[in-house]
Amino acid sequence: LQCSSTCAGGFQRRVVVCQDENGYTANNCDEKSKPMEQRSCESGPCPQWAYGNWGECTKPCGAGTRTRLVVCQR
C-alpha cells in the first residue's frame, strides 16, 4: 500500500484476517502471532522554506522596498 505521506511521518496500513486453508474466514488463529496491520514509512524530511538576508533598501527615505531570495528546498 502507498505511504500516507510523501515525506516525514507517514504510515502504511494493510488488512490482516484469519482464514482456513480454503480461504474462508476463521476465528481460531493465534492472536500472539498476528502480523502488524500498520507500519511507519519515513520518506525523508519534508520540504521547507530557505531564505537569504534582506537586501538594501531601494530608497534612502520613504516607501522603499527590500527583497531577499526565498526558495522551497527538500
PDB file of N, CA and C in Angstrom:
ATOM      1  N   LEU A   1       0.824  -1.191   0.000  1.00  0.00           N
ATOM      2  CA  LEU A   1       0.000   0.000   0.000  1.00  0.00           C
ATOM      3  C   LEU A   1       0.861   1.244   0.000  1.00  0.00           C
ATOM      4  N   GLN A   2       0.295   2.333  -0.520  1.00  0.00           N
ATOM      5  CA  GLN A   2       1.035   3.580  -0.565  1.00  0.00           C
ATOM      6  C   GLN A   2       1.218   4.174   0.811  1.00  0.00           C
ATOM      7  N   CYS A   3       2.277   4.949   0.966  1.00  0.00           N
ATOM      8  CA  CYS A   3       2.517   5.670   2.204  1.00  0.00           C
ATOM      9  C   CYS A   3       1.528   6.833   2.289  1.00  0.00           C
ATOM     10  N   SER A   4       1.091   7.164   3.510  1.00  0.00           N
ATOM     11  CA  SER A   4       0.112   8.242   3.681  1.00  0.00           C
ATOM     12  C   SER A   4       0.739   9.623   3.517  1.00  0.00           C
ATOM     13  N   SER A   5       2.064   9.697   3.406  1.00  0.00           N
ATOM     14  CA  SER A   5       2.745  10.971   3.270  1.00  0.00           C
ATOM     15  C   SER A   5       3.923  10.809   2.323  1.00  0.00           C
ATOM     16  N   THR A   6       4.261  11.872   1.584  1.00  0.00           N
ATOM     17  CA  THR A   6       5.416  11.813   0.693  1.00  0.00           C
ATOM     18  C   THR A   6       6.688  12.243   1.415  1.00  0.00           C
ATOM     19  N   CYS A   7       6.557  12.648   2.681  1.00  0.00           N
ATOM     20  CA  CYS A   7       7.738  12.981   3.474  1.00  0.00           C
ATOM     21  C   CYS A   7       7.513  12.493   4.902  1.00  0.00           C
ATOM     22  N   ALA A   8       8.235  13.037   5.841  1.00  0.00           N
ATOM     23  CA  ALA A   8       8.268  12.513   7.213  1.00  0.00           C
ATOM     24  C   ALA A   8       6.902  12.225   7.828  1.00  0.00           C
ATOM     25  N   GLY A   9       6.848  11.156   8.624  1.00  0.00           N
ATOM     26  CA  GLY A   9       5.674  10.876   9.444  1.00  0.00           C
ATOM     27  C   GLY A   9       4.532  10.117   8.811  1.00  0.00           C
ATOM     28  N   GLY A  10       4.757   9.438   7.708  1.00  0.00           N
ATOM     29  CA  GLY A  10       3.677   8.691   7.068  1.00  0.00           C
ATOM     30  C   GLY A  10       3.525   7.289   7.632  1.00  0.00           C
ATOM     31  N   PHE A  11       2.466   6.603   7.203  1.00  0.00           N
ATOM     32  CA  PHE A  11       2.276   5.218   7.613  1.00  0.00           C
ATOM     33  C   PHE A  11       1.568   4.442   6.507  1.00  0.00           C
ATOM     34  N   GLN A  12       1.707   3.139   6.558  1.00  0.00           N
ATOM     35  CA  GLN A  12       1.053   2.222   5.633  1.00  0.00           C
ATOM     36  C   GLN A  12       0.154   1.302   6.435  1.00  0.00           C
ATOM     37  N   ARG A  13      -1.016   0.966   5.885  1.00  0.00           N
ATOM     38  CA  ARG A  13      -1.947   0.046   6.532  1.00  0.00           C
ATOM     39  C   ARG A  13      -2.217  -1.144   5.610  1.00  0.00           C
ATOM     40  N   ARG A  14      -2.555  -2.271   6.196  1.00  0.00           N
ATOM     41  CA  ARG A  14      -2.994  -3.434   5.430  1.00  0.00           C
ATOM     42  C   ARG A  14      -4.035  -4.180   6.263  1.00  0.00           C
ATOM     43  N   VAL A  15      -4.854  -4.975   5.601  1.00  0.00           N
ATOM     44  CA  VAL A  15      -5.878  -5.760   6.284  1.00  0.00           C
ATOM     45  C   VAL A  15      -5.303  -7.135   6.606  1.00  0.00           C
ATOM     46  N   VAL A  16      -5.445  -7.572   7.850  1.00  0.00           N
ATOM     47  CA  VAL A  16      -4.984  -8.893   8.279  1.00  0.00           C
ATOM     48  C   VAL A  16      -6.207  -9.669   8.770  1.00  0.00           C
ATOM     49  N   VAL A  17      -6.503 -10.794   8.116  1.00  0.00           N
ATOM     50  CA  VAL A  17      -7.662 -11.594   8.505  1.00  0.00           C
ATOM     51  C   VAL A  17      -7.248 -13.048   8.740  1.00  0.00           C
ATOM     52  N   CYS A  18      -8.002 -13.733   9.548  1.00  0.00           N
ATOM     53  CA  CYS A  18      -7.750 -15.150   9.845  1.00  0.00           C
ATOM     54  C   CYS A  18      -8.593 -15.993   8.882  1.00  0.00           C
ATOM     55  N   GLN A  19      -7.933 -16.873   8.122  1.00  0.00           N
ATOM     56  CA  GLN A  19      -8.636 -17.722   7.145  1.00  0.00           C
ATOM     57  C   GLN A  19      -8.179 -19.168   7.277  1.00  0.00           C
ATOM     58  N   ASP A  20      -9.066 -20.090   6.861  1.00  0.00           N
ATOM     59  CA  ASP A  20      -8.670 -21.500   6.835  1.00  0.00           C
ATOM     60  C   ASP A  20      -7.998 -21.804   5.494  1.00  0.00           C
ATOM     61  N   GLU A  21      -7.620 -23.061   5.290  1.00  0.00           N
ATOM     62  CA  GLU A  21      -6.881 -23.431   4.073  1.00  0.00           C
ATOM     63  C   GLU A  21      -7.685 -23.239   2.790  1.00  0.00           C
ATOM     64  N   ASN A  22      -8.995 -23.085   2.905  1.00  0.00           N
ATOM     65  CA  ASN A  22      -9.837 -22.857   1.727  1.00  0.00           C
ATOM     66  C   ASN A  22     -10.128 -21.371   1.488  1.00  0.00           C
ATOM     67  N   GLY A  23      -9.561 -20.522   2.327  1.00  0.00           N
ATOM     68  CA  GLY A  23      -9.762 -19.083   2.169  1.00  0.00           C
ATOM     69  C   GLY A  23     -11.010 -18.549   2.847  1.00  0.00           C
ATOM     70  N   TYR A  24     -11.664 -19.372   3.667  1.00  0.00           N
ATOM     71  CA  TYR A  24     -12.859 -18.915   4.389  1.00  0.00           C
ATOM     72  C   TYR A  24     -12.473 -18.306   5.736  1.00  0.00           C
ATOM     73  N   THR A  25     -13.250 -17.347   6.194  1.00  0.00           N
ATOM     74  CA  THR A  25     -12.984 -16.694   7.472  1.00  0.00           C
ATOM     75  C   THR A  25     -13.006 -17.707   8.606  1.00  0.00           C
ATOM     76  N   ALA A  26     -11.983 -17.609   9.452  1.00  0.00           N
ATOM     77  CA  ALA A  26     -11.878 -18.488  10.619  1.00  0.00           C
ATOM     78  C   ALA A  26     -11.610 -17.619  11.843  1.00  0.00           C
ATOM     79  N   ASN A  27     -11.766 -18.193  13.029  1.00  0.00           N
ATOM     80  CA  ASN A  27     -11.506 -17.401  14.236  1.00  0.00           C
ATOM     81  C   ASN A  27     -10.622 -18.140  15.241  1.00  0.00           C
ATOM     82  N   ASN A  28      -9.879 -19.121  14.768  1.00  0.00           N
ATOM     83  CA  ASN A  28      -9.028 -19.874  15.688  1.00  0.00           C
ATOM     84  C   ASN A  28      -7.536 -19.578  15.472  1.00  0.00           C
ATOM     85  N   CYS A  29      -7.209 -18.442  14.858  1.00  0.00           N
ATOM     86  CA  CYS A  29      -5.801 -18.049  14.684  1.00  0.00           C
ATOM     87  C   CYS A  29      -5.229 -17.593  16.028  1.00  0.00           C
ATOM     88  N   ASP A  30      -3.943 -17.785  16.201  1.00  0.00           N
ATOM     89  CA  ASP A  30      -3.254 -17.366  17.423  1.00  0.00           C
ATOM     90  C   ASP A  30      -3.042 -15.851  17.377  1.00  0.00           C
ATOM     91  N   GLU A  31      -3.692 -15.124  18.277  1.00  0.00           N
ATOM     92  CA  GLU A  31      -3.598 -13.657  18.298  1.00  0.00           C
ATOM     93  C   GLU A  31      -2.164 -13.173  18.503  1.00  0.00           C
ATOM     94  N   LYS A  32      -1.364 -13.949  19.225  1.00  0.00           N
ATOM     95  CA  LYS A  32       0.012 -13.526  19.500  1.00  0.00           C
ATOM     96  C   LYS A  32       0.875 -13.517  18.237  1.00  0.00           C
ATOM     97  N   SER A  33       0.513 -14.291  17.233  1.00  0.00           N
ATOM     98  CA  SER A  33       1.314 -14.340  16.004  1.00  0.00           C
ATOM     99  C   SER A  33       0.707 -13.500  14.878  1.00  0.00           C
ATOM    100  N   LYS A  34      -0.301 -12.688  15.194  1.00  0.00           N
ATOM    101  CA  LYS A  34      -0.950 -11.858  14.176  1.00  0.00           C
ATOM    102  C   LYS A  34       0.036 -10.827  13.629  1.00  0.00           C
ATOM    103  N   PRO A  35       0.199 -10.750  12.289  1.00  0.00           N
ATOM    104  CA  PRO A  35       1.107  -9.762  11.692  1.00  0.00           C
ATOM    105  C   PRO A  35       0.603  -8.333  11.935  1.00  0.00           C
ATOM    106  N   MET A  36       1.531  -7.382  11.907  1.00  0.00           N
ATOM    107  CA  MET A  36       1.178  -5.974  12.114  1.00  0.00           C
ATOM    108  C   MET A  36       0.263  -5.484  10.996  1.00  0.00           C
ATOM    109  N   GLU A  37      -0.685  -4.624  11.343  1.00  0.00           N
ATOM    110  CA  GLU A  37      -1.598  -4.049  10.360  1.00  0.00           C
ATOM    111  C   GLU A  37      -1.168  -2.660   9.919  1.00  0.00           C
ATOM    112  N   GLN A  38      -0.241  -2.049  10.662  1.00  0.00           N
ATOM    113  CA  GLN A  38       0.224  -0.707  10.310  1.00  0.00           C
ATOM    114  C   GLN A  38       1.707  -0.601  10.580  1.00  0.00           C
ATOM    115  N   ARG A  39       2.416   0.132   9.709  1.00  0.00           N
ATOM    116  CA  ARG A  39       3.833   0.400   9.941  1.00  0.00           C
ATOM    117  C   ARG A  39       4.165   1.805   9.451  1.00  0.00           C
ATOM    118  N   SER A  40       5.203   2.387  10.029  1.00  0.00           N
ATOM    119  CA  SER A  40       5.603   3.720   9.597  1.00  0.00           C
ATOM    120  C   SER A  40       6.389   3.604   8.302  1.00  0.00           C
ATOM    121  N   CYS A  41       6.375   4.658   7.522  1.00  0.00           N
ATOM    122  CA  CYS A  41       7.109   4.679   6.240  1.00  0.00           C
ATOM    123  C   CYS A  41       7.771   6.033   6.084  1.00  0.00           C
ATOM    124  N   GLU A  42       8.751   6.279   6.910  1.00  0.00           N
ATOM    125  CA  GLU A  42       9.511   7.531   6.867  1.00  0.00           C
ATOM    126  C   GLU A  42      10.120   7.701   5.480  1.00  0.00           C
ATOM    127  N   SER A  43       9.787   8.812   4.816  1.00  0.00           N
ATOM    128  CA  SER A  43      10.255   9.029   3.446  1.00  0.00           C
ATOM    129  C   SER A  43      11.217  10.196   3.347  1.00  0.00           C
ATOM    130  N   GLY A  44      11.889  10.500   4.434  1.00  0.00           N
ATOM    131  CA  GLY A  44      12.824  11.614   4.436  1.00  0.00           C
ATOM    132  C   GLY A  44      12.158  12.900   4.896  1.00  0.00           C
ATOM    133  N   PRO A  45      12.944  13.972   5.002  1.00  0.00           N
ATOM    134  CA  PRO A  45      12.412  15.238   5.521  1.00  0.00           C
ATOM    135  C   PRO A  45      11.438  15.904   4.550  1.00  0.00           C
ATOM    136  N   CYS A  46      10.507  16.658   5.107  1.00  0.00           N
ATOM    137  CA  CYS A  46       9.568  17.421   4.280  1.00  0.00           C
ATOM    138  C   CYS A  46      10.270  18.655   3.714  1.00  0.00           C
ATOM    139  N   PRO A  47       9.809  19.137   2.554  1.00  0.00           N
ATOM    140  CA  PRO A  47      10.383  20.384   2.015  1.00  0.00           C
ATOM    141  C   PRO A  47      10.158  21.534   2.992  1.00  0.00           C
ATOM    142  N   GLN A  48      11.041  22.506   2.957  1.00  0.00           N
ATOM    143  CA  GLN A  48      10.867  23.683   3.815  1.00  0.00           C
ATOM    144  C   GLN A  48      11.411  24.921   3.120  1.00  0.00           C
ATOM    145  N   TRP A  49      10.984  26.082   3.605  1.00  0.00           N
ATOM    146  CA  TRP A  49      11.434  27.339   3.015  1.00  0.00           C
ATOM    147  C   TRP A  49      12.844  27.669   3.483  1.00  0.00           C
ATOM    148  N   ALA A  50      13.700  28.029   2.531  1.00  0.00           N
ATOM    149  CA  ALA A  50      15.040  28.538   2.841  1.00  0.00           C
ATOM    150  C   ALA A  50      15.082  29.970   2.325  1.00  0.00           C
ATOM    151  N   TYR A  51      15.689  30.863   3.093  1.00  0.00           N
ATOM    152  CA  TYR A  51      15.689  32.264   2.668  1.00  0.00           C
ATOM    153  C   TYR A  51      16.990  32.945   3.062  1.00  0.00           C
ATOM    154  N   GLY A  52      17.352  33.955   2.264  1.00  0.00           N
ATOM    155  CA  GLY A  52      18.580  34.699   2.496  1.00  0.00           C
ATOM    156  C   GLY A  52      18.318  35.950   3.313  1.00  0.00           C
ATOM    157  N   ASN A  53      19.353  36.763   3.448  1.00  0.00           N
ATOM    158  CA  ASN A  53      19.243  38.016   4.181  1.00  0.00           C
ATOM    159  C   ASN A  53      18.534  39.071   3.336  1.00  0.00           C
ATOM    160  N   TRP A  54      17.930  40.023   4.009  1.00  0.00           N
ATOM    161  CA  TRP A  54      17.297  41.127   3.297  1.00  0.00           C
ATOM    162  C   TRP A  54      18.359  41.956   2.588  1.00  0.00           C
ATOM    163  N   GLY A  55      18.037  42.393   1.361  1.00  0.00           N
ATOM    164  CA  GLY A  55      18.937  43.249   0.591  1.00  0.00           C
ATOM    165  C   GLY A  55      18.812  44.704   1.013  1.00  0.00           C
ATOM    166  N   GLU A  56      19.527  45.574   0.310  1.00  0.00           N
ATOM    167  CA  GLU A  56      19.474  47.007   0.595  1.00  0.00           C
ATOM    168  C   GLU A  56      18.111  47.577   0.243  1.00  0.00           C
ATOM    169  N   CYS A  57      17.755  48.668   0.908  1.00  0.00           N
ATOM    170  CA  CYS A  57      16.502  49.353   0.605  1.00  0.00           C
ATOM    171  C   CYS A  57      16.644  50.073  -0.731  1.00  0.00           C
ATOM    172  N   THR A  58      15.554  50.100  -1.496  1.00  0.00           N
ATOM    173  CA  THR A  58      15.599  50.728  -2.827  1.00  0.00           C
ATOM    174  C   THR A  58      15.574  52.257  -2.761  1.00  0.00           C
ATOM    175  N   LYS A  59      15.282  52.832  -1.588  1.00  0.00           N
ATOM    176  CA  LYS A  59      15.249  54.293  -1.442  1.00  0.00           C
ATOM    177  C   LYS A  59      15.908  54.681  -0.123  1.00  0.00           C
ATOM    178  N   PRO A  60      16.553  55.845  -0.086  1.00  0.00           N
ATOM    179  CA  PRO A  60      17.170  56.292   1.174  1.00  0.00           C
ATOM    180  C   PRO A  60      16.147  56.807   2.185  1.00  0.00           C
ATOM    181  N   CYS A  61      14.935  57.142   1.722  1.00  0.00           N
ATOM    182  CA  CYS A  61      13.886  57.578   2.641  1.00  0.00           C
ATOM    183  C   CYS A  61      12.518  57.303   2.021  1.00  0.00           C
ATOM    184  N   GLY A  62      11.454  57.221   2.826  1.00  0.00           N
ATOM    185  CA  GLY A  62      10.095  56.977   2.326  1.00  0.00           C
ATOM    186  C   GLY A  62       9.947  55.669   1.565  1.00  0.00           C
ATOM    187  N   ALA A  63       8.856  55.047   1.600  1.00  0.00           N
ATOM    188  CA  ALA A  63       8.357  53.885   0.856  1.00  0.00           C
ATOM    189  C   ALA A  63       9.305  53.104  -0.055  1.00  0.00           C
ATOM    190  N   GLY A  64      10.435  52.706   0.429  1.00  0.00           N
ATOM    191  CA  GLY A  64      11.308  51.822  -0.335  1.00  0.00           C
ATOM    192  C   GLY A  64      10.971  50.366  -0.074  1.00  0.00           C
ATOM    193  N   THR A  65      11.635  49.466  -0.786  1.00  0.00           N
ATOM    194  CA  THR A  65      11.407  48.039  -0.560  1.00  0.00           C
ATOM    195  C   THR A  65      12.745  47.319  -0.418  1.00  0.00           C
ATOM    196  N   ARG A  66      12.702  46.214   0.316  1.00  0.00           N
ATOM    197  CA  ARG A  66      13.865  45.341   0.447  1.00  0.00           C
ATOM    198  C   ARG A  66      13.436  43.956  -0.007  1.00  0.00           C
ATOM    199  N   THR A  67      14.303  43.233  -0.652  1.00  0.00           N
ATOM    200  CA  THR A  67      13.966  41.888  -1.127  1.00  0.00           C
ATOM    201  C   THR A  67      14.995  40.883  -0.603  1.00  0.00           C
ATOM    202  N   ARG A  68      14.611  39.623  -0.659  1.00  0.00           N
ATOM    203  CA  ARG A  68      15.519  38.543  -0.295  1.00  0.00           C
ATOM    204  C   ARG A  68      15.154  37.314  -1.111  1.00  0.00           C
ATOM    205  N   LEU A  69      16.094  36.407  -1.283  1.00  0.00           N
ATOM    206  CA  LEU A  69      15.860  35.164  -2.013  1.00  0.00           C
ATOM    207  C   LEU A  69      15.099  34.190  -1.112  1.00  0.00           C
ATOM    208  N   VAL A  70      14.005  33.615  -1.625  1.00  0.00           N
ATOM    209  CA  VAL A  70      13.219  32.623  -0.882  1.00  0.00           C
ATOM    210  C   VAL A  70      12.992  31.426  -1.803  1.00  0.00           C
ATOM    211  N   VAL A  71      13.405  30.232  -1.389  1.00  0.00           N
ATOM    212  CA  VAL A  71      13.237  29.032  -2.205  1.00  0.00           C
ATOM    213  C   VAL A  71      12.701  27.886  -1.356  1.00  0.00           C
ATOM    214  N   CYS A  72      11.943  27.011  -1.973  1.00  0.00           N
ATOM    215  CA  CYS A  72      11.449  25.809  -1.308  1.00  0.00           C
ATOM    216  C   CYS A  72      12.451  24.689  -1.583  1.00  0.00           C
ATOM    217  N   GLN A  73      12.990  24.094  -0.527  1.00  0.00           N
ATOM    218  CA  GLN A  73      14.004  23.055  -0.686  1.00  0.00           C
ATOM    219  C   GLN A  73      13.632  21.792   0.057  1.00  0.00           C
ATOM    220  N   ARG A  74      14.086  20.657  -0.476  1.00  0.00           N
ATOM    221  CA  ARG A  74      13.954  19.377   0.232  1.00  0.00           C
ATOM    222  C   ARG A  74      15.053  19.265   1.243  1.00  0.00           C
TER     223      ARG A  74
END
